[in-house]
């Protein structure tokens, strides 16, 4: 069931929590990269179901979370009980590993903070453990940045 929160809100709130600006005018590349990344996590045409309050498909266990899918026994993408839980878990996943220099997340976060070109951010995502199998870059190339920050994508409702 679609909720009251949107991917655009999630992108803005997530960007803030990882220390990036969250303005589609001043940090358009970061916002575009996040929209493409979220779209990639659910298939180019949104053919895959979406985990609850988890548009970037993080796997971090969090109080009250449940498994959305199982990638290995007891481990997988999580459903979160609330919007804030999903946002906190997603930001914590990136920030903790980036702070430790693990999984290639430090570069992802640095590029987002610096509003690097969206393709560069997505290339860093692909090179990290969080990669989308190349779909983030395919979404960017096939959809275009103007559509990715347009109404259709920014107002796509999150599952709850």
Foldseek 3Di string as FASTA:
>chain_A
DFDPAALLVLQCLLLVLLQAHNDCVPLVQSLLLSLLQLCLVCDLVNVRDAAALASNQDWDDDVPKDAPDPPDVPTGRIHHPDNVRNSVRVSCVLVVCLVVVPQLSVLLSVCRRVSPHSLSNLVSCCSGPSHSVCRSVVSCVVVPSVNSPDDVRSGHTGHD
